[in-house]
Amino acid sequence: MDTSTSVTYDSSLQISQFILMGLPGIHEWQHWLSLPLTLLYLLAPGANLLIIITIQHETVLHEPMYHLLGILAVVDIGLATTIMPKILAIFWFDAKAISLPMCFAEIYAIHCFFCIESGIFLCMAVDRYIAICRPLQYPSIVTKAFVFKATGFIVLKNGLLTIPVPILAAQRHYCSRNEIEHCLCSNLGVISLACDDITVNKFYQLMLAWVLVGSDMALIFSSYAVILHSVLRLNSAEAMSKALSTCNSHLILILFYTGIIVLSVTHLAEKKIPLIPVFLNVLHNVIPPALNPLACALRMHKLRLGFQRLLGLGQDVSK
């Protein structure tokens, strides 16, 4: 029996579960996407765990920049573990039902991890700004204590400010439709099913996006603009190349995030093809946790050497 048909359209009833329909328009063959998504899911925790272990194992990596990278890896593992099991359950076993409390918890986890990730990227940008533009002050400013305090502030700030998102969603009355055209509990997708007014929910979602993520991104790009300006003033091409190489991995990740967000918002606003914003939203939550370690490993020489030593490939380092 289809669980979605059990819900009547009586406004006196409150539905007890949502039905995650998956990717809109391709329900019949979306299970074929489970293979690449499974590979990404296995890659995300495995590669990020390798980063954490390598940073802990190699004393040469006990620097603020690598501590921030390790914290980012923890956040990526949390994000991937939050959303991927349910997505794969939908594709593999057609397990589309999710209780309201579990759905609201997923909304909170997604928002919290994403905002924390944005804050970590800002810390990375500040770290590179001080290292390149204020090199003499770097050892005294960017210390382990600075990293832990900044991380604690980011976690506390984003953990508290994202709490109202699921609380406001839980306060809505869901009395008719319970089918969400998505693979995960998107806040806007969930509250669109509410029978009462959702103006407050939309306003807080928009404010959260602009105040937290928007301000972080503005400061990140401002930092890299100042870095680029400073680097271009260097007389030595070698020094310029070395300075830019320390920022490349960060910029790759940040530009990917920004591109996906812009495309998602654009297509969501136009509402031409429902599949596109949903699919981009899934990619935005799935791909970065898997690709972050690869982007960092390819551009950070010390980390790459640490991987090789940890995996017993130290003899190939000199080649």
Protein backbone atom coordinates (compact mmCIF):
# COMPACT_ATOMS: atom_id res chain seq x y z
CA MET A 1 0.00 0.00 0.00
CA ASP A 2 1.31 3.42 -0.93
CA THR A 3 1.90 5.38 2.27
CA SER A 4 1.16 8.68 0.57
CA THR A 5 -2.44 7.66 -0.17
CA SER A 6 -3.18 7.14 3.49
CA VAL A 7 -3.26 10.87 4.14
CA THR A 8 -6.64 12.52 3.84
CA TYR A 9 -7.21 16.13 2.97
CA ASP A 10 -8.99 16.95 6.20
CA SER A 11 -7.53 20.07 7.81
CA SER A 12 -8.23 18.62 11.26
CA LEU A 13 -5.60 15.92 10.75
CA GLN A 14 -1.85 16.24 11.26
CA ILE A 15 0.25 13.96 9.08
CA SER A 16 2.72 11.71 10.91
CA GLN A 17 5.36 11.27 8.20
CA PHE A 18 6.70 12.72 4.99
CA ILE A 19 7.38 10.82 1.78
CA LEU A 20 10.66 11.69 0.06
CA MET A 21 9.88 11.03 -3.60
CA GLY A 22 13.47 11.37 -4.82
CA LEU A 23 14.52 13.25 -7.94
CA PRO A 24 11.47 14.76 -9.67
CA GLY A 25 10.76 13.53 -13.18
CA ILE A 26 13.11 10.54 -13.08
CA HIS A 27 11.60 8.39 -10.31
CA GLU A 28 11.60 5.29 -12.53
CA TRP A 29 15.34 5.17 -13.15
CA GLN A 30 16.84 7.23 -10.34
CA HIS A 31 18.10 4.00 -8.71
CA TRP A 32 20.85 3.92 -11.36
CA LEU A 33 22.34 6.96 -9.66
CA SER A 34 22.91 4.91 -6.53
CA LEU A 35 26.23 3.52 -7.83
CA PRO A 36 28.07 6.86 -8.26
CA LEU A 37 26.46 8.19 -5.07
CA THR A 38 27.62 5.10 -3.16
CA LEU A 39 31.17 5.62 -4.41
CA LEU A 40 31.02 9.27 -3.31
CA TYR A 41 29.62 8.24 0.08
CA LEU A 42 32.42 5.72 0.62
CA LEU A 43 35.01 8.23 -0.58
CA ALA A 44 33.82 11.09 1.64
CA PRO A 45 34.28 9.50 5.10
CA GLY A 46 37.29 7.44 4.01
CA ALA A 47 39.27 10.29 2.45
CA ASN A 48 38.40 12.77 5.20
CA LEU A 49 39.30 10.23 7.88
CA LEU A 50 42.64 9.75 6.11
CA ILE A 51 43.23 13.50 6.33
CA ILE A 52 42.46 13.54 10.07
CA ILE A 53 44.73 10.56 10.80
CA THR A 54 47.55 11.97 8.65
CA ILE A 55 47.44 15.36 10.38
CA GLN A 56 47.51 13.68 13.79
CA HIS A 57 50.29 11.28 12.78
CA GLU A 58 52.64 13.77 11.08
CA THR A 59 54.18 16.32 13.46
CA VAL A 60 55.15 18.54 10.53
CA LEU A 61 51.43 19.03 9.88
CA HIS A 62 50.71 20.31 13.38
CA GLU A 63 50.17 23.81 12.05
CA PRO A 64 47.05 26.04 12.15
CA MET A 65 46.36 25.66 8.43
CA TYR A 66 46.27 21.87 8.71
CA HIS A 67 44.26 21.97 11.93
CA LEU A 68 41.60 23.94 10.05
CA LEU A 69 41.72 21.35 7.28
CA GLY A 70 41.21 18.59 9.86
CA ILE A 71 38.20 20.42 11.32
CA LEU A 72 36.76 20.79 7.81
CA ALA A 73 37.21 17.04 7.33
CA VAL A 74 35.21 16.35 10.52
CA VAL A 75 32.40 18.61 9.28
CA ASP A 76 32.42 16.90 5.87
CA ILE A 77 32.10 13.47 7.50
CA GLY A 78 29.17 14.75 9.56
CA LEU A 79 27.42 16.21 6.51
CA ALA A 80 27.89 13.10 4.37
CA THR A 81 26.77 10.77 7.18
CA THR A 82 23.68 12.87 7.81
CA ILE A 83 22.20 12.80 4.32
CA MET A 84 23.67 9.93 2.29
CA PRO A 85 22.21 6.88 4.11
CA LYS A 86 18.64 8.10 3.56
CA ILE A 87 19.27 9.01 -0.09
CA LEU A 88 20.72 5.54 -0.77
CA ALA A 89 17.83 3.92 1.12
CA ILE A 90 15.39 5.71 -1.21
CA PHE A 91 17.26 4.60 -4.34
CA TRP A 92 17.97 1.03 -3.19
CA PHE A 93 14.98 -0.03 -1.10
CA ASP A 94 12.32 2.55 -2.01
CA ALA A 95 12.33 3.54 1.68
CA LYS A 96 10.75 6.93 1.12
CA ALA A 97 8.96 7.45 4.43
CA ILE A 98 10.54 9.61 7.13
CA SER A 99 8.99 10.69 10.43
CA LEU A 100 8.48 14.37 11.14
CA PRO A 101 11.01 14.50 14.03
CA MET A 102 13.67 12.77 11.91
CA CYS A 103 12.99 15.14 9.03
CA PHE A 104 13.28 18.22 11.24
CA ALA A 105 16.50 16.83 12.75
CA GLU A 106 17.91 16.38 9.25
CA ILE A 107 16.97 19.97 8.38
CA TYR A 108 18.90 21.19 11.42
CA ALA A 109 21.96 19.01 10.70
CA ILE A 110 22.18 20.12 7.06
CA HIS A 111 21.89 23.81 7.91
CA CYS A 112 24.27 23.55 10.87
CA PHE A 113 27.01 21.64 9.04
CA PHE A 114 26.74 23.83 5.96
CA CYS A 115 27.01 27.07 7.96
CA ILE A 116 29.92 25.69 10.02
CA GLU A 117 31.65 24.72 6.78
CA SER A 118 31.20 28.26 5.50
CA GLY A 119 32.76 29.59 8.72
CA ILE A 120 35.74 27.23 8.41
CA PHE A 121 36.34 28.46 4.86
CA LEU A 122 36.36 32.02 6.24
CA CYS A 123 38.98 31.01 8.83
CA MET A 124 41.07 29.47 6.05
CA ALA A 125 40.84 32.71 4.04
CA VAL A 126 41.88 34.77 7.08
CA ASP A 127 44.75 32.34 7.72
CA ARG A 128 46.05 32.78 4.16
CA TYR A 129 45.52 36.56 4.30
CA ILE A 130 47.67 36.91 7.43
CA ALA A 131 50.29 34.43 6.14
CA ILE A 132 50.77 36.31 2.85
CA CYS A 133 49.99 39.93 3.73
CA ARG A 134 51.25 39.97 7.35
CA PRO A 135 53.92 37.24 7.40
CA LEU A 136 55.88 38.67 10.34
CA GLN A 137 52.79 38.77 12.58
CA TYR A 138 51.51 35.34 11.45
CA PRO A 139 53.20 33.19 14.17
CA SER A 140 51.92 35.43 16.96
CA ILE A 141 48.36 35.83 15.59
CA VAL A 142 47.45 32.47 14.07
CA THR A 143 48.22 30.06 16.89
CA LYS A 144 46.62 26.78 17.94
CA ALA A 145 44.68 28.69 20.59
CA PHE A 146 43.40 31.07 17.91
CA VAL A 147 42.22 28.15 15.76
CA PHE A 148 40.42 26.41 18.64
CA LYS A 149 38.77 29.64 19.83
CA ALA A 150 37.68 30.55 16.29
CA THR A 151 36.33 27.02 15.74
CA GLY A 152 34.46 27.08 19.04
CA PHE A 153 32.90 30.43 18.14
CA ILE A 154 31.89 29.19 14.68
CA VAL A 155 30.30 26.02 16.04
CA LEU A 156 28.48 27.87 18.83
CA LYS A 157 27.25 30.69 16.58
CA ASN A 158 26.00 28.49 13.75
CA GLY A 159 24.69 25.80 16.08
CA LEU A 160 22.49 28.34 17.88
CA LEU A 161 21.40 30.46 14.90
CA THR A 162 20.24 27.43 12.90
CA ILE A 163 18.05 26.06 15.73
CA PRO A 164 15.03 28.23 14.76
CA VAL A 165 14.93 26.68 11.26
CA PRO A 166 13.62 23.22 12.34
CA ILE A 167 11.65 24.73 15.25
CA LEU A 168 9.73 27.05 12.94
CA ALA A 169 9.18 24.18 10.50
CA ALA A 170 7.87 21.95 13.32
CA GLN A 171 5.39 24.65 14.38
CA ARG A 172 3.65 24.57 11.02
CA HIS A 173 0.51 22.47 10.55
CA TYR A 174 0.83 19.70 7.95
CA CYS A 175 -2.64 18.45 7.15
CA SER A 176 -2.85 17.48 3.48
CA ARG A 177 0.07 16.69 1.19
CA ASN A 178 3.02 14.79 2.56
CA GLU A 179 5.04 14.08 -0.61
CA ILE A 180 8.33 16.00 -0.91
CA GLU A 181 9.87 16.10 -4.39
CA HIS A 182 13.37 15.69 -3.04
CA CYS A 183 15.90 13.11 -1.81
CA LEU A 184 16.40 14.86 1.52
CA CYS A 185 14.48 17.07 3.91
CA SER A 186 14.93 20.47 2.35
CA ASN A 187 13.52 23.19 4.59
CA LEU A 188 11.73 24.99 1.75
CA GLY A 189 10.45 21.70 0.38
CA VAL A 190 9.02 20.70 3.76
CA ILE A 191 7.36 24.00 4.70
CA SER A 192 5.78 24.25 1.24
CA LEU A 193 3.51 21.39 2.37
CA ALA A 194 2.21 23.35 5.37
CA CYS A 195 -1.44 24.35 5.50
CA ASP A 196 -0.79 27.60 7.37
CA ASP A 197 1.28 30.71 6.71
CA ILE A 198 5.02 30.17 6.17
CA THR A 199 6.12 33.79 5.77
CA VAL A 200 8.18 33.72 8.98
CA ASN A 201 9.92 30.51 7.87
CA LYS A 202 10.89 31.96 4.49
CA PHE A 203 12.05 35.22 6.07
CA TYR A 204 14.31 33.46 8.58
CA GLN A 205 15.69 31.15 5.88
CA LEU A 206 16.55 34.18 3.73
CA MET A 207 18.03 36.08 6.68
CA LEU A 208 20.14 33.06 7.64
CA ALA A 209 21.47 32.74 4.10
CA TRP A 210 22.44 36.42 3.88
CA VAL A 211 23.65 36.99 7.44
CA LEU A 212 25.67 33.80 7.91
CA VAL A 213 26.67 32.35 4.54
CA GLY A 214 26.42 35.63 2.60
CA SER A 215 28.63 37.56 5.01
CA ASP A 216 31.14 34.69 5.15
CA MET A 217 31.39 34.56 1.36
CA ALA A 218 31.76 38.35 1.10
CA LEU A 219 34.61 38.33 3.61
CA ILE A 220 36.23 35.32 1.92
CA PHE A 221 36.30 36.93 -1.50
CA SER A 222 37.44 40.24 0.03
CA SER A 223 40.36 38.42 1.71
CA TYR A 224 41.42 36.72 -1.50
CA ALA A 225 41.07 39.99 -3.43
CA VAL A 226 43.51 41.64 -1.00
CA ILE A 227 45.80 38.58 -1.24
CA LEU A 228 45.76 38.76 -5.04
CA HIS A 229 46.52 42.48 -4.95
CA SER A 230 49.45 41.90 -2.60
CA VAL A 231 50.80 38.98 -4.63
CA LEU A 232 50.72 40.94 -7.89
CA ARG A 233 52.96 43.54 -6.28
CA LEU A 234 55.72 40.98 -5.68
CA ASN A 235 58.76 41.38 -7.92
CA SER A 236 59.73 37.71 -7.82
CA ALA A 237 57.76 35.34 -10.04
CA GLU A 238 58.81 32.44 -7.81
CA ALA A 239 57.49 34.16 -4.69
CA MET A 240 54.27 35.00 -6.51
CA SER A 241 53.82 31.38 -7.60
CA LYS A 242 54.53 30.07 -4.09
CA ALA A 243 52.05 32.50 -2.51
CA LEU A 244 49.27 31.65 -4.96
CA SER A 245 49.87 27.89 -4.65
CA THR A 246 48.92 28.01 -0.96
CA CYS A 247 45.51 29.46 -1.88
CA ASN A 248 44.65 27.34 -4.92
CA SER A 249 43.02 24.44 -3.08
CA HIS A 250 40.89 26.79 -0.99
CA LEU A 251 39.78 28.77 -4.03
CA ILE A 252 38.85 25.61 -5.94
CA LEU A 253 36.55 24.49 -3.13
CA ILE A 254 35.03 27.93 -2.54
CA LEU A 255 34.36 28.57 -6.23
CA PHE A 256 32.69 25.15 -6.53
CA TYR A 257 30.43 25.91 -3.55
CA THR A 258 29.56 29.35 -4.90
CA GLY A 259 28.81 28.05 -8.39
CA ILE A 260 26.47 25.34 -7.14
CA ILE A 261 24.65 27.78 -4.84
CA VAL A 262 24.19 30.36 -7.61
CA LEU A 263 22.91 27.76 -10.07
CA SER A 264 20.52 26.32 -7.48
CA VAL A 265 19.07 29.70 -6.57
CA THR A 266 18.78 30.73 -10.24
CA HIS A 267 16.91 27.62 -11.31
CA LEU A 268 14.80 27.63 -8.16
CA ALA A 269 13.74 31.20 -8.89
CA GLU A 270 12.88 30.41 -12.50
CA LYS A 271 11.12 27.13 -11.61
CA LYS A 272 11.50 25.86 -15.17
CA ILE A 273 12.72 22.32 -14.51
CA PRO A 274 12.05 21.00 -10.97
CA LEU A 275 14.78 18.37 -11.33
CA ILE A 276 17.61 20.89 -11.74
CA PRO A 277 17.49 22.71 -8.36
CA VAL A 278 16.86 19.43 -6.52
CA PHE A 279 19.72 17.65 -8.29
CA LEU A 280 22.07 20.61 -7.75
CA ASN A 281 21.11 20.69 -4.08
CA VAL A 282 21.97 16.99 -3.76
CA LEU A 283 25.31 17.53 -5.54
CA HIS A 284 26.03 20.52 -3.31
CA ASN A 285 25.67 18.32 -0.21
CA VAL A 286 27.31 15.18 -1.61
CA ILE A 287 30.25 16.14 -3.84
CA PRO A 288 32.21 18.63 -1.66
CA PRO A 289 32.76 16.18 1.26
CA ALA A 290 34.22 13.72 -1.25
CA LEU A 291 36.27 16.21 -3.29
CA ASN A 292 37.61 18.42 -0.49
CA PRO A 293 40.35 15.90 0.46
CA LEU A 294 41.35 15.38 -3.19
CA ALA A 295 41.61 19.11 -3.91
CA CYS A 296 43.68 19.68 -0.78
CA ALA A 297 45.94 16.66 -1.32
CA LEU A 298 46.74 17.66 -4.89
CA ARG A 299 47.77 21.20 -3.93
CA MET A 300 49.36 20.75 -0.47
CA HIS A 301 52.78 19.16 -0.79
CA LYS A 302 53.29 18.40 2.91
CA LEU A 303 49.89 16.72 3.17
CA ARG A 304 50.56 14.65 0.06
CA LEU A 305 53.87 13.45 1.52
CA GLY A 306 52.08 12.65 4.77
CA PHE A 307 49.58 10.49 2.88
CA GLN A 308 52.41 8.61 1.20
CA ARG A 309 54.23 7.94 4.46
CA LEU A 310 51.06 6.86 6.24
CA LEU A 311 50.13 4.48 3.43
CA GLY A 312 53.63 3.01 3.29
CA LEU A 313 54.61 4.74 0.07
CA GLY A 314 57.44 6.77 1.58
CA GLN A 315 59.97 5.20 -0.74
CA ASP A 316 58.26 6.87 -3.72
CA VAL A 317 58.37 10.39 -2.28
CA SER A 318 61.74 11.28 -3.74
CA LYS A 319 60.86 10.18 -7.24
